[in-house]
Amino acid sequence: MSLLEVHDLSFYYDDEKVLDSINFTIEPGEFVILTGENGAAKSTLIKNILGLLNPATGRVIYSKLNQFGEKLSIGYVPQNVTSFNAGFPSTVQKLVESGRYPKGRWFKKLDDTDYEHVDRALKSVGMDHLRDRKVGELSGGQKQRINLARTFAMDPDFFVLDEPTTGMDVASRKSFYKLLRHTSKVHGKAILMVTHADNELDGFFDREIRLVREGGTPWSCFSMTSSNAH
């Protein structure tokens, strides 16, 4: 059972084709990385599959249900989420707690299970010691981490992460990759992660999708290849 199927997707910016004939699937419990050189339209592809951009051709099909027969949930962390200004009033704790509110139920009372998810999410990105800090006071890398924590607190079936390790040091990145591996293999979550650090990820991911240029075509025209991780 595939959670996501992408069939013959292409995309244009004005008259310039930047994605061509993209085909892949994502399965439950699979950790897939999306790679390619700078300018390879990786974020553009992510936005197409999330519905933030409309493909010129092709189809993006999500399963309506997860592998347990429940409604499929998706958690998305965009690239460089650092837009909170110094006056942003929320604390780290409250922002991550907001990941536990179901859509349309913003005033529900959180229970012990919710708080356990929040605590685990904060610890997973090394931000539990800053839970009472105002979000607007954080550095760019710290803001990226709490957005990751908020997504983990949501406990989605399918994680879509665009360069999520921005601002992390090597030790933090390795710890994060282990967390993703655990999340996919132990909890059956699907993960699609955009990254440039594919060498660092050896042994953690299951499959690589690489955007490449076709021979003799402009650099902005891409096709997709995939290979199993070693």
N, C-alpha and C. Protein backbone atom coordinates (compact mmCIF):
# COMPACT_ATOMS: atom_id res chain seq x y z
N MET A 1 0.84 -1.19 0.00
CA MET A 1 0.00 0.00 0.00
C MET A 1 0.88 1.25 0.00
N SER A 2 0.75 2.09 -1.01
CA SER A 2 1.52 3.34 -1.10
C SER A 2 0.75 4.48 -0.43
N LEU A 3 1.46 5.28 0.37
CA LEU A 3 0.83 6.47 0.93
C LEU A 3 0.80 7.60 -0.09
N LEU A 4 1.80 7.62 -0.99
CA LEU A 4 1.89 8.65 -2.02
C LEU A 4 2.31 8.02 -3.33
N GLU A 5 1.64 8.41 -4.42
CA GLU A 5 2.01 8.01 -5.77
C GLU A 5 2.11 9.25 -6.63
N VAL A 6 3.25 9.42 -7.30
CA VAL A 6 3.46 10.53 -8.22
C VAL A 6 3.63 9.94 -9.62
N HIS A 7 2.79 10.38 -10.55
CA HIS A 7 2.77 9.81 -11.90
C HIS A 7 3.04 10.90 -12.95
N ASP A 8 4.14 10.79 -13.66
CA ASP A 8 4.44 11.63 -14.83
C ASP A 8 4.26 13.11 -14.55
N LEU A 9 4.74 13.56 -13.42
CA LEU A 9 4.58 14.97 -13.03
C LEU A 9 5.57 15.85 -13.78
N SER A 10 5.08 16.97 -14.30
CA SER A 10 5.95 18.00 -14.88
C SER A 10 5.47 19.36 -14.37
N PHE A 11 6.39 20.32 -14.39
CA PHE A 11 6.06 21.65 -13.87
C PHE A 11 6.86 22.69 -14.63
N TYR A 12 6.21 23.83 -14.89
CA TYR A 12 6.84 24.96 -15.59
C TYR A 12 6.81 26.21 -14.70
N TYR A 13 7.87 26.98 -14.75
CA TYR A 13 7.84 28.36 -14.29
C TYR A 13 7.75 29.23 -15.55
N ASP A 14 6.60 29.86 -15.73
CA ASP A 14 6.30 30.55 -17.00
C ASP A 14 6.43 29.54 -18.15
N ASP A 15 7.33 29.76 -19.09
CA ASP A 15 7.49 28.83 -20.21
C ASP A 15 8.67 27.88 -20.02
N GLU A 16 9.29 27.93 -18.86
CA GLU A 16 10.49 27.12 -18.63
C GLU A 16 10.13 25.85 -17.85
N LYS A 17 10.40 24.71 -18.46
CA LYS A 17 10.13 23.44 -17.77
C LYS A 17 11.24 23.16 -16.76
N VAL A 18 10.85 22.92 -15.50
CA VAL A 18 11.84 22.64 -14.47
C VAL A 18 11.72 21.24 -13.89
N LEU A 19 10.58 20.58 -14.09
CA LEU A 19 10.41 19.19 -13.69
C LEU A 19 9.78 18.43 -14.85
N ASP A 20 10.27 17.24 -15.12
CA ASP A 20 9.80 16.50 -16.28
C ASP A 20 9.67 15.01 -15.97
N SER A 21 8.47 14.47 -16.14
CA SER A 21 8.22 13.02 -16.03
C SER A 21 8.72 12.43 -14.71
N ILE A 22 8.27 13.01 -13.62
CA ILE A 22 8.65 12.53 -12.30
C ILE A 22 7.70 11.41 -11.87
N ASN A 23 8.27 10.28 -11.48
CA ASN A 23 7.48 9.13 -11.04
C ASN A 23 8.12 8.50 -9.81
N PHE A 24 7.37 8.36 -8.74
CA PHE A 24 7.85 7.62 -7.58
C PHE A 24 6.68 7.34 -6.63
N THR A 25 6.91 6.44 -5.69
CA THR A 25 5.94 6.14 -4.64
C THR A 25 6.64 6.20 -3.29
N ILE A 26 5.87 6.42 -2.23
CA ILE A 26 6.36 6.37 -0.86
C ILE A 26 5.47 5.40 -0.09
N GLU A 27 6.12 4.47 0.62
CA GLU A 27 5.39 3.44 1.36
C GLU A 27 5.44 3.72 2.86
N PRO A 28 4.51 3.18 3.63
CA PRO A 28 4.60 3.28 5.10
C PRO A 28 5.91 2.68 5.60
N GLY A 29 6.53 3.31 6.58
CA GLY A 29 7.76 2.80 7.15
C GLY A 29 8.99 3.02 6.31
N GLU A 30 8.90 3.85 5.28
CA GLU A 30 10.02 4.08 4.37
C GLU A 30 10.63 5.46 4.62
N PHE A 31 11.95 5.50 4.72
CA PHE A 31 12.71 6.75 4.88
C PHE A 31 13.41 7.03 3.55
N VAL A 32 12.90 8.01 2.83
CA VAL A 32 13.37 8.33 1.48
C VAL A 32 13.99 9.72 1.50
N ILE A 33 15.19 9.85 0.89
CA ILE A 33 15.79 11.18 0.76
C ILE A 33 15.67 11.66 -0.69
N LEU A 34 15.47 12.97 -0.82
CA LEU A 34 15.38 13.63 -2.13
C LEU A 34 16.60 14.51 -2.29
N THR A 35 17.44 14.20 -3.29
CA THR A 35 18.70 14.90 -3.47
C THR A 35 18.82 15.46 -4.89
N GLY A 36 19.91 16.20 -5.10
CA GLY A 36 20.18 16.81 -6.40
C GLY A 36 21.03 18.04 -6.21
N GLU A 37 21.67 18.48 -7.28
CA GLU A 37 22.55 19.64 -7.18
C GLU A 37 21.75 20.89 -6.87
N ASN A 38 22.43 21.96 -6.50
CA ASN A 38 21.75 23.24 -6.26
C ASN A 38 20.96 23.65 -7.49
N GLY A 39 19.75 24.11 -7.30
CA GLY A 39 18.91 24.51 -8.41
C GLY A 39 18.15 23.37 -9.05
N ALA A 40 18.17 22.21 -8.42
CA ALA A 40 17.53 21.02 -9.02
C ALA A 40 16.04 20.93 -8.75
N ALA A 41 15.43 22.00 -8.29
CA ALA A 41 13.97 22.08 -8.12
C ALA A 41 13.43 21.10 -7.09
N LYS A 42 14.24 20.78 -6.10
CA LYS A 42 13.79 19.84 -5.06
C LYS A 42 12.63 20.43 -4.26
N SER A 43 12.77 21.69 -3.81
CA SER A 43 11.68 22.32 -3.07
C SER A 43 10.45 22.51 -3.95
N THR A 44 10.67 22.76 -5.25
CA THR A 44 9.56 22.90 -6.19
C THR A 44 8.79 21.58 -6.28
N LEU A 45 9.51 20.46 -6.32
CA LEU A 45 8.84 19.16 -6.36
C LEU A 45 8.04 18.94 -5.09
N ILE A 46 8.63 19.24 -3.93
CA ILE A 46 7.91 19.09 -2.67
C ILE A 46 6.62 19.90 -2.68
N LYS A 47 6.69 21.13 -3.14
CA LYS A 47 5.50 21.99 -3.16
C LYS A 47 4.45 21.46 -4.13
N ASN A 48 4.89 20.81 -5.20
CA ASN A 48 3.94 20.20 -6.13
C ASN A 48 3.20 19.03 -5.48
N ILE A 49 3.93 18.19 -4.78
CA ILE A 49 3.26 17.02 -4.21
C ILE A 49 2.39 17.39 -3.01
N LEU A 50 2.66 18.56 -2.40
CA LEU A 50 1.83 19.01 -1.28
C LEU A 50 0.64 19.86 -1.74
N GLY A 51 0.57 20.16 -3.03
CA GLY A 51 -0.53 20.97 -3.52
C GLY A 51 -0.32 22.46 -3.38
N LEU A 52 0.89 22.88 -2.99
CA LEU A 52 1.19 24.31 -2.88
C LEU A 52 1.48 24.91 -4.26
N LEU A 53 1.87 24.06 -5.21
CA LEU A 53 1.99 24.43 -6.62
C LEU A 53 1.21 23.40 -7.43
N ASN A 54 0.75 23.81 -8.60
CA ASN A 54 -0.04 22.91 -9.45
C ASN A 54 0.79 22.37 -10.59
N PRO A 55 0.93 21.04 -10.69
CA PRO A 55 1.71 20.46 -11.79
C PRO A 55 1.09 20.82 -13.15
N ALA A 56 1.96 20.93 -14.16
CA ALA A 56 1.46 21.16 -15.52
C ALA A 56 0.82 19.89 -16.06
N THR A 57 1.44 18.75 -15.78
CA THR A 57 0.90 17.46 -16.19
C THR A 57 1.15 16.46 -15.07
N GLY A 58 0.46 15.33 -15.15
CA GLY A 58 0.67 14.26 -14.20
C GLY A 58 -0.30 14.30 -13.04
N ARG A 59 -0.13 13.32 -12.14
CA ARG A 59 -1.03 13.18 -11.00
C ARG A 59 -0.25 12.93 -9.72
N VAL A 60 -0.78 13.47 -8.63
CA VAL A 60 -0.27 13.21 -7.29
C VAL A 60 -1.41 12.59 -6.50
N ILE A 61 -1.24 11.36 -6.06
CA ILE A 61 -2.32 10.62 -5.41
C ILE A 61 -1.89 10.22 -4.01
N TYR A 62 -2.64 10.66 -3.01
CA TYR A 62 -2.42 10.24 -1.64
C TYR A 62 -3.44 9.18 -1.26
N SER A 63 -3.00 8.22 -0.47
CA SER A 63 -3.95 7.29 0.12
C SER A 63 -4.86 8.07 1.07
N LYS A 64 -6.13 7.76 1.08
CA LYS A 64 -7.04 8.43 2.01
C LYS A 64 -6.81 7.96 3.44
N LEU A 65 -6.32 6.72 3.58
CA LEU A 65 -6.14 6.13 4.90
C LEU A 65 -4.70 5.68 5.10
N ASN A 66 -4.28 5.62 6.35
CA ASN A 66 -2.97 5.06 6.65
C ASN A 66 -3.06 3.54 6.74
N GLN A 67 -1.97 2.89 7.10
CA GLN A 67 -1.94 1.43 7.12
C GLN A 67 -2.82 0.84 8.22
N PHE A 68 -3.31 1.69 9.13
CA PHE A 68 -4.18 1.22 10.21
C PHE A 68 -5.66 1.52 9.95
N GLY A 69 -5.94 2.02 8.74
CA GLY A 69 -7.32 2.32 8.39
C GLY A 69 -7.84 3.64 8.90
N GLU A 70 -6.94 4.50 9.39
CA GLU A 70 -7.32 5.83 9.87
C GLU A 70 -6.99 6.88 8.82
N LYS A 71 -7.59 8.05 8.96
CA LYS A 71 -7.35 9.13 7.99
C LYS A 71 -5.87 9.49 7.95
N LEU A 72 -5.31 9.55 6.76
CA LEU A 72 -3.89 9.87 6.59
C LEU A 72 -3.60 11.30 7.05
N SER A 73 -2.53 11.46 7.83
CA SER A 73 -2.10 12.79 8.26
C SER A 73 -0.68 13.06 7.76
N ILE A 74 -0.44 14.32 7.39
CA ILE A 74 0.84 14.73 6.80
C ILE A 74 1.42 15.88 7.62
N GLY A 75 2.70 15.78 7.95
CA GLY A 75 3.41 16.86 8.63
C GLY A 75 4.48 17.43 7.72
N TYR A 76 4.48 18.74 7.53
CA TYR A 76 5.40 19.39 6.59
C TYR A 76 6.22 20.44 7.31
N VAL A 77 7.54 20.37 7.14
CA VAL A 77 8.44 21.41 7.64
C VAL A 77 9.15 22.02 6.44
N PRO A 78 8.83 23.27 6.08
CA PRO A 78 9.46 23.91 4.92
C PRO A 78 10.90 24.29 5.23
N GLN A 79 11.60 24.68 4.19
CA GLN A 79 13.00 25.06 4.32
C GLN A 79 13.14 26.40 5.04
N ASN A 80 14.09 26.49 5.97
CA ASN A 80 14.44 27.74 6.65
C ASN A 80 13.24 28.46 7.25
N VAL A 81 12.59 27.80 8.21
CA VAL A 81 11.46 28.42 8.90
C VAL A 81 12.02 29.33 9.99
N THR A 82 12.27 30.58 9.65
CA THR A 82 12.87 31.51 10.62
C THR A 82 12.12 32.84 10.63
N SER A 83 10.84 32.82 10.32
CA SER A 83 10.12 34.07 10.10
C SER A 83 9.54 34.69 11.38
N PHE A 84 9.70 34.05 12.55
CA PHE A 84 9.19 34.64 13.77
C PHE A 84 10.03 35.85 14.15
N ASN A 85 9.38 36.99 14.39
CA ASN A 85 10.15 38.17 14.76
C ASN A 85 10.35 38.24 16.28
N ALA A 86 11.10 39.22 16.71
CA ALA A 86 11.46 39.31 18.13
C ALA A 86 10.25 39.51 19.03
N GLY A 87 9.15 39.99 18.48
CA GLY A 87 7.95 40.23 19.29
C GLY A 87 6.98 39.08 19.30
N PHE A 88 7.32 37.96 18.67
CA PHE A 88 6.40 36.81 18.62
C PHE A 88 6.14 36.33 20.06
N PRO A 89 4.87 36.30 20.50
CA PRO A 89 4.58 36.14 21.93
C PRO A 89 4.64 34.72 22.47
N SER A 90 4.53 33.71 21.63
CA SER A 90 4.42 32.35 22.13
C SER A 90 5.73 31.84 22.73
N THR A 91 5.61 30.97 23.73
CA THR A 91 6.77 30.26 24.22
C THR A 91 7.00 29.03 23.35
N VAL A 92 8.20 28.46 23.47
CA VAL A 92 8.52 27.23 22.75
C VAL A 92 7.52 26.13 23.11
N GLN A 93 7.23 25.98 24.41
CA GLN A 93 6.30 24.95 24.87
C GLN A 93 4.93 25.10 24.20
N LYS A 94 4.40 26.32 24.19
CA LYS A 94 3.06 26.54 23.63
C LYS A 94 3.03 26.31 22.13
N LEU A 95 4.09 26.70 21.44
CA LEU A 95 4.12 26.49 19.99
C LEU A 95 4.11 25.00 19.68
N VAL A 96 4.92 24.23 20.38
CA VAL A 96 4.98 22.79 20.12
C VAL A 96 3.67 22.13 20.54
N GLU A 97 3.06 22.61 21.63
CA GLU A 97 1.75 22.08 22.04
C GLU A 97 0.70 22.27 20.95
N SER A 98 0.82 23.34 20.18
CA SER A 98 -0.17 23.60 19.13
C SER A 98 -0.20 22.49 18.09
N GLY A 99 0.87 21.70 18.00
CA GLY A 99 0.88 20.57 17.09
C GLY A 99 -0.07 19.46 17.51
N ARG A 100 -0.53 19.50 18.75
CA ARG A 100 -1.43 18.47 19.26
C ARG A 100 -2.91 18.83 19.10
N TYR A 101 -3.20 20.03 18.60
CA TYR A 101 -4.59 20.42 18.42
C TYR A 101 -5.12 19.92 17.09
N PRO A 102 -6.15 19.08 17.09
CA PRO A 102 -6.74 18.65 15.82
C PRO A 102 -7.31 19.86 15.07
N LYS A 103 -7.39 19.73 13.76
CA LYS A 103 -7.93 20.81 12.94
C LYS A 103 -9.35 21.15 13.38
N GLY A 104 -9.59 22.44 13.64
CA GLY A 104 -10.92 22.89 14.04
C GLY A 104 -11.20 22.74 15.52
N ARG A 105 -10.22 22.25 16.31
CA ARG A 105 -10.44 22.07 17.75
C ARG A 105 -9.32 22.75 18.52
N TRP A 106 -9.17 24.04 18.30
CA TRP A 106 -8.06 24.78 18.89
C TRP A 106 -8.17 24.95 20.39
N PHE A 107 -9.36 24.76 20.95
CA PHE A 107 -9.54 25.01 22.38
C PHE A 107 -9.74 23.72 23.19
N LYS A 108 -9.41 22.60 22.59
CA LYS A 108 -9.52 21.35 23.34
C LYS A 108 -8.45 21.31 24.44
N LYS A 109 -8.75 20.59 25.51
CA LYS A 109 -7.81 20.48 26.61
C LYS A 109 -6.84 19.34 26.33
N LEU A 110 -5.55 19.62 26.46
CA LEU A 110 -4.55 18.58 26.24
C LEU A 110 -4.55 17.60 27.41
N ASP A 111 -4.33 16.32 27.11
CA ASP A 111 -4.27 15.32 28.17
C ASP A 111 -2.82 14.85 28.36
N ASP A 112 -2.64 13.87 29.22
CA ASP A 112 -1.29 13.40 29.54
C ASP A 112 -0.57 12.86 28.30
N THR A 113 -1.31 12.18 27.44
CA THR A 113 -0.71 11.65 26.21
C THR A 113 -0.19 12.78 25.34
N ASP A 114 -0.97 13.87 25.23
CA ASP A 114 -0.55 15.03 24.45
C ASP A 114 0.76 15.60 25.00
N TYR A 115 0.82 15.76 26.31
CA TYR A 115 2.02 16.34 26.92
C TYR A 115 3.23 15.42 26.77
N GLU A 116 2.99 14.10 26.78
CA GLU A 116 4.08 13.16 26.55
C GLU A 116 4.66 13.32 25.15
N HIS A 117 3.76 13.50 24.15
CA HIS A 117 4.22 13.73 22.78
C HIS A 117 5.03 15.02 22.69
N VAL A 118 4.56 16.07 23.37
CA VAL A 118 5.26 17.36 23.34
C VAL A 118 6.64 17.24 23.98
N ASP A 119 6.71 16.61 25.15
CA ASP A 119 7.99 16.45 25.83
C ASP A 119 8.97 15.64 24.99
N ARG A 120 8.48 14.54 24.41
CA ARG A 120 9.35 13.69 23.59
C ARG A 120 9.83 14.45 22.36
N ALA A 121 8.95 15.25 21.77
CA ALA A 121 9.32 16.02 20.58
C ALA A 121 10.39 17.06 20.90
N LEU A 122 10.23 17.77 22.02
CA LEU A 122 11.22 18.77 22.41
C LEU A 122 12.57 18.14 22.70
N LYS A 123 12.57 17.01 23.39
CA LYS A 123 13.82 16.32 23.69
C LYS A 123 14.49 15.79 22.42
N SER A 124 13.67 15.37 21.46
CA SER A 124 14.22 14.77 20.24
C SER A 124 15.04 15.76 19.43
N VAL A 125 14.75 17.05 19.55
CA VAL A 125 15.51 18.06 18.81
C VAL A 125 16.39 18.90 19.73
N GLY A 126 16.53 18.46 20.99
CA GLY A 126 17.42 19.13 21.92
C GLY A 126 16.96 20.51 22.35
N MET A 127 15.63 20.71 22.44
CA MET A 127 15.11 22.03 22.80
C MET A 127 14.30 22.03 24.09
N ASP A 128 14.31 20.93 24.83
CA ASP A 128 13.50 20.86 26.05
C ASP A 128 13.97 21.86 27.11
N HIS A 129 15.26 22.20 27.12
CA HIS A 129 15.77 23.15 28.12
C HIS A 129 15.36 24.59 27.81
N LEU A 130 14.81 24.82 26.62
CA LEU A 130 14.38 26.17 26.24
C LEU A 130 12.86 26.26 26.12
N ARG A 131 12.14 25.34 26.74
CA ARG A 131 10.69 25.28 26.56
C ARG A 131 9.97 26.55 27.01
N ASP A 132 10.54 27.30 27.96
CA ASP A 132 9.89 28.51 28.47
C ASP A 132 10.38 29.78 27.78
N ARG A 133 11.29 29.64 26.84
CA ARG A 133 11.82 30.80 26.11
C ARG A 133 10.80 31.28 25.08
N LYS A 134 10.74 32.59 24.85
CA LYS A 134 9.88 33.15 23.80
C LYS A 134 10.46 32.77 22.44
N VAL A 135 9.58 32.36 21.53
CA VAL A 135 10.02 31.91 20.21
C VAL A 135 10.79 33.01 19.48
N GLY A 136 10.33 34.24 19.60
CA GLY A 136 10.97 35.35 18.89
C GLY A 136 12.38 35.64 19.35
N GLU A 137 12.78 35.10 20.49
CA GLU A 137 14.12 35.33 21.02
C GLU A 137 15.14 34.29 20.53
N LEU A 138 14.67 33.29 19.80
CA LEU A 138 15.54 32.19 19.41
C LEU A 138 16.35 32.52 18.15
N SER A 139 17.43 31.79 17.97
CA SER A 139 18.22 31.91 16.75
C SER A 139 17.49 31.20 15.61
N GLY A 140 17.96 31.41 14.39
CA GLY A 140 17.33 30.77 13.24
C GLY A 140 17.35 29.25 13.33
N GLY A 141 18.50 28.68 13.74
CA GLY A 141 18.59 27.24 13.87
C GLY A 141 17.67 26.69 14.94
N GLN A 142 17.51 27.43 16.04
CA GLN A 142 16.61 27.00 17.11
C GLN A 142 15.15 27.06 16.65
N LYS A 143 14.80 28.07 15.88
CA LYS A 143 13.43 28.15 15.35
C LYS A 143 13.14 26.97 14.43
N GLN A 144 14.13 26.58 13.64
CA GLN A 144 13.96 25.42 12.77
C GLN A 144 13.69 24.17 13.61
N ARG A 145 14.42 24.04 14.71
CA ARG A 145 14.26 22.86 15.56
C ARG A 145 12.89 22.80 16.20
N ILE A 146 12.37 23.94 16.67
CA ILE A 146 11.06 23.86 17.33
C ILE A 146 9.95 23.61 16.31
N ASN A 147 10.14 24.02 15.08
CA ASN A 147 9.15 23.66 14.06
C ASN A 147 9.20 22.16 13.77
N LEU A 148 10.38 21.59 13.82
CA LEU A 148 10.49 20.13 13.72
C LEU A 148 9.79 19.47 14.91
N ALA A 149 10.03 20.01 16.11
CA ALA A 149 9.39 19.45 17.30
C ALA A 149 7.87 19.53 17.20
N ARG A 150 7.36 20.63 16.69
CA ARG A 150 5.90 20.77 16.54
C ARG A 150 5.36 19.71 15.59
N THR A 151 6.09 19.45 14.51
CA THR A 151 5.66 18.43 13.56
C THR A 151 5.72 17.04 14.19
N PHE A 152 6.77 16.75 14.96
CA PHE A 152 6.84 15.46 15.64
C PHE A 152 5.73 15.33 16.68
N ALA A 153 5.37 16.42 17.34
CA ALA A 153 4.27 16.37 18.31
C ALA A 153 2.95 16.04 17.63
N MET A 154 2.78 16.44 16.39
CA MET A 154 1.58 16.10 15.63
C MET A 154 1.44 14.60 15.42
N ASP A 155 2.57 13.90 15.38
CA ASP A 155 2.61 12.45 15.14
C ASP A 155 1.93 12.09 13.82
N PRO A 156 2.35 12.71 12.70
CA PRO A 156 1.72 12.42 11.41
C PRO A 156 2.15 11.06 10.87
N ASP A 157 1.41 10.57 9.89
CA ASP A 157 1.76 9.31 9.22
C ASP A 157 2.88 9.51 8.21
N PHE A 158 2.96 10.72 7.64
CA PHE A 158 3.88 11.00 6.55
C PHE A 158 4.57 12.33 6.84
N PHE A 159 5.90 12.28 7.03
CA PHE A 159 6.69 13.48 7.27
C PHE A 159 7.29 13.96 5.95
N VAL A 160 7.11 15.23 5.63
CA VAL A 160 7.75 15.85 4.47
C VAL A 160 8.65 16.96 5.00
N LEU A 161 9.96 16.78 4.87
CA LEU A 161 10.94 17.66 5.51
C LEU A 161 11.87 18.25 4.46
N ASP A 162 11.90 19.57 4.38
CA ASP A 162 12.72 20.24 3.37
C ASP A 162 13.95 20.85 4.05
N GLU A 163 15.11 20.19 3.88
CA GLU A 163 16.38 20.61 4.50
C GLU A 163 16.18 20.87 6.01
N PRO A 164 15.73 19.88 6.76
CA PRO A 164 15.37 20.12 8.16
C PRO A 164 16.55 20.32 9.10
N THR A 165 17.77 19.96 8.69
CA THR A 165 18.91 20.04 9.61
C THR A 165 19.67 21.36 9.51
N THR A 166 19.10 22.34 8.83
CA THR A 166 19.72 23.67 8.75
C THR A 166 19.98 24.21 10.16
N GLY A 167 21.21 24.64 10.43
CA GLY A 167 21.54 25.21 11.73
C GLY A 167 21.95 24.20 12.77
N MET A 168 21.95 22.90 12.44
CA MET A 168 22.38 21.88 13.40
C MET A 168 23.86 21.56 13.19
N ASP A 169 24.55 21.24 14.29
CA ASP A 169 25.93 20.78 14.17
C ASP A 169 25.94 19.30 13.80
N VAL A 170 27.14 18.75 13.57
CA VAL A 170 27.25 17.37 13.09
C VAL A 170 26.62 16.38 14.06
N ALA A 171 26.90 16.54 15.35
CA ALA A 171 26.36 15.61 16.35
C ALA A 171 24.84 15.66 16.38
N SER A 172 24.29 16.87 16.28
CA SER A 172 22.83 17.02 16.29
C SER A 172 22.20 16.40 15.05
N ARG A 173 22.87 16.56 13.91
CA ARG A 173 22.34 15.98 12.68
C ARG A 173 22.32 14.45 12.77
N LYS A 174 23.40 13.86 13.26
CA LYS A 174 23.46 12.40 13.39
C LYS A 174 22.35 11.90 14.32
N SER A 175 22.15 12.61 15.42
CA SER A 175 21.10 12.24 16.36
C SER A 175 19.73 12.33 15.69
N PHE A 176 19.56 13.36 14.88
CA PHE A 176 18.28 13.55 14.18
C PHE A 176 18.04 12.44 13.16
N TYR A 177 19.08 12.04 12.43
CA TYR A 177 18.93 10.95 11.47
C TYR A 177 18.54 9.65 12.16
N LYS A 178 19.13 9.40 13.35
CA LYS A 178 18.76 8.21 14.11
C LYS A 178 17.30 8.27 14.53
N LEU A 179 16.85 9.46 14.92
CA LEU A 179 15.44 9.63 15.27
C LEU A 179 14.53 9.33 14.09
N LEU A 180 14.90 9.82 12.90
CA LEU A 180 14.08 9.55 11.72
C LEU A 180 14.06 8.06 11.39
N ARG A 181 15.21 7.42 11.50
CA ARG A 181 15.27 5.98 11.25
C ARG A 181 14.35 5.23 12.22
N HIS A 182 14.42 5.60 13.49
CA HIS A 182 13.57 4.98 14.51
C HIS A 182 12.09 5.25 14.21
N THR A 183 11.78 6.48 13.82
CA THR A 183 10.39 6.86 13.53
C THR A 183 9.82 6.05 12.39
N SER A 184 10.64 5.79 11.37
CA SER A 184 10.16 5.03 10.22
C SER A 184 10.09 3.54 10.52
N LYS A 185 11.12 2.99 11.15
CA LYS A 185 11.19 1.53 11.31
C LYS A 185 10.38 1.01 12.49
N VAL A 186 10.37 1.74 13.60
CA VAL A 186 9.66 1.28 14.79
C VAL A 186 8.19 1.71 14.77
N HIS A 187 7.94 2.92 14.29
CA HIS A 187 6.57 3.45 14.33
C HIS A 187 5.87 3.42 12.97
N GLY A 188 6.56 2.96 11.93
CA GLY A 188 5.92 2.78 10.64
C GLY A 188 5.60 4.06 9.89
N LYS A 189 6.26 5.16 10.25
CA LYS A 189 6.00 6.44 9.58
C LYS A 189 6.76 6.51 8.25
N ALA A 190 6.17 7.18 7.28
CA ALA A 190 6.84 7.45 6.01
C ALA A 190 7.53 8.80 6.09
N ILE A 191 8.74 8.90 5.54
CA ILE A 191 9.51 10.13 5.59
C ILE A 191 10.07 10.42 4.21
N LEU A 192 9.86 11.65 3.74
CA LEU A 192 10.48 12.16 2.53
C LEU A 192 11.25 13.41 2.93
N MET A 193 12.57 13.37 2.80
CA MET A 193 13.40 14.46 3.29
C MET A 193 14.32 14.99 2.19
N VAL A 194 14.24 16.28 1.93
CA VAL A 194 15.17 16.95 1.03
C VAL A 194 16.48 17.18 1.78
N THR A 195 17.60 16.83 1.14
CA THR A 195 18.89 17.02 1.81
C THR A 195 20.01 17.15 0.79
N HIS A 196 21.08 17.84 1.20
CA HIS A 196 22.33 17.85 0.44
C HIS A 196 23.34 16.92 1.08
N ALA A 197 23.06 16.49 2.33
CA ALA A 197 24.04 15.73 3.11
C ALA A 197 23.84 14.23 2.93
N ASP A 198 23.77 13.77 1.68
CA ASP A 198 23.47 12.35 1.45
C ASP A 198 24.59 11.44 1.95
N ASN A 199 25.85 11.91 1.97
CA ASN A 199 26.94 11.07 2.48
C ASN A 199 26.79 10.83 3.98
N GLU A 200 26.35 11.84 4.71
CA GLU A 200 26.14 11.70 6.15
C GLU A 200 25.04 10.70 6.48
N LEU A 201 24.14 10.49 5.55
CA LEU A 201 22.95 9.69 5.81
C LEU A 201 23.10 8.22 5.50
N ASP A 202 24.29 7.81 5.03
CA ASP A 202 24.50 6.39 4.73
C ASP A 202 24.16 5.53 5.93
N GLY A 203 23.35 4.51 5.70
CA GLY A 203 22.96 3.60 6.76
C GLY A 203 21.69 3.99 7.48
N PHE A 204 21.16 5.20 7.22
CA PHE A 204 19.94 5.64 7.88
C PHE A 204 18.71 5.54 6.97
N PHE A 205 18.86 5.91 5.70
CA PHE A 205 17.70 5.97 4.81
C PHE A 205 17.54 4.67 4.03
N ASP A 206 16.36 4.50 3.42
CA ASP A 206 16.06 3.30 2.64
C ASP A 206 16.26 3.49 1.15
N ARG A 207 15.95 4.69 0.67
CA ARG A 207 15.95 4.89 -0.77
C ARG A 207 16.25 6.34 -1.08
N GLU A 208 16.90 6.57 -2.22
CA GLU A 208 17.25 7.93 -2.66
C GLU A 208 16.53 8.25 -3.96
N ILE A 209 15.93 9.42 -4.00
CA ILE A 209 15.38 9.97 -5.24
C ILE A 209 16.27 11.16 -5.60
N ARG A 210 16.89 11.11 -6.77
CA ARG A 210 17.83 12.17 -7.16
C ARG A 210 17.33 12.86 -8.42
N LEU A 211 17.22 14.16 -8.34
CA LEU A 211 16.86 14.94 -9.51
C LEU A 211 18.12 15.26 -10.30
N VAL A 212 18.10 14.92 -11.59
CA VAL A 212 19.29 15.10 -12.44
C VAL A 212 18.89 15.75 -13.75
N ARG A 213 19.89 16.33 -14.41
CA ARG A 213 19.66 16.90 -15.74
C ARG A 213 19.77 15.81 -16.80
N GLU A 214 18.91 15.88 -17.78
CA GLU A 214 19.04 14.98 -18.92
C GLU A 214 20.12 15.52 -19.85
N GLY A 215 20.87 14.63 -20.48
CA GLY A 215 21.95 15.04 -21.35
C GLY A 215 21.48 15.94 -22.48
N GLY A 216 22.22 17.03 -22.68
CA GLY A 216 21.92 17.92 -23.79
C GLY A 216 20.77 18.87 -23.57
N THR A 217 20.19 18.88 -22.36
CA THR A 217 19.07 19.78 -22.10
C THR A 217 19.51 20.90 -21.17
N PRO A 218 18.76 21.99 -21.10
CA PRO A 218 19.11 23.07 -20.17
C PRO A 218 19.14 22.56 -18.73
N TRP A 219 19.92 23.21 -17.88
CA TRP A 219 20.09 22.75 -16.50
C TRP A 219 18.78 22.71 -15.73
N SER A 220 17.80 23.45 -16.17
CA SER A 220 16.55 23.53 -15.42
C SER A 220 15.55 22.44 -15.79
N CYS A 221 15.92 21.52 -16.63
CA CYS A 221 15.01 20.43 -17.00
C CYS A 221 15.51 19.15 -16.33
N PHE A 222 14.65 18.54 -15.54
CA PHE A 222 15.09 17.46 -14.68
C PHE A 222 14.30 16.18 -14.92
N SER A 223 14.94 15.09 -14.63
CA SER A 223 14.26 13.80 -14.57
C SER A 223 14.59 13.17 -13.22
N MET A 224 13.97 12.05 -12.93
CA MET A 224 14.13 11.46 -11.63
C MET A 224 14.77 10.07 -11.75
N THR A 225 15.75 9.80 -10.89
CA THR A 225 16.28 8.45 -10.76
C THR A 225 16.26 8.10 -9.29
N SER A 226 16.23 6.84 -8.97
CA SER A 226 16.26 6.43 -7.57
C SER A 226 17.18 5.24 -7.41
N SER A 227 17.74 5.09 -6.23
CA SER A 227 18.62 3.96 -5.96
C SER A 227 18.47 3.56 -4.52
N ASN A 228 18.70 2.29 -4.22
CA ASN A 228 18.61 1.83 -2.84
C ASN A 228 19.83 2.30 -2.06
N ALA A 229 19.60 2.57 -0.78
CA ALA A 229 20.72 2.95 0.10
C ALA A 229 21.59 1.74 0.37
N HIS A 230 22.85 2.00 0.66
CA HIS A 230 23.78 0.92 0.99
C HIS A 230 23.64 0.57 2.47
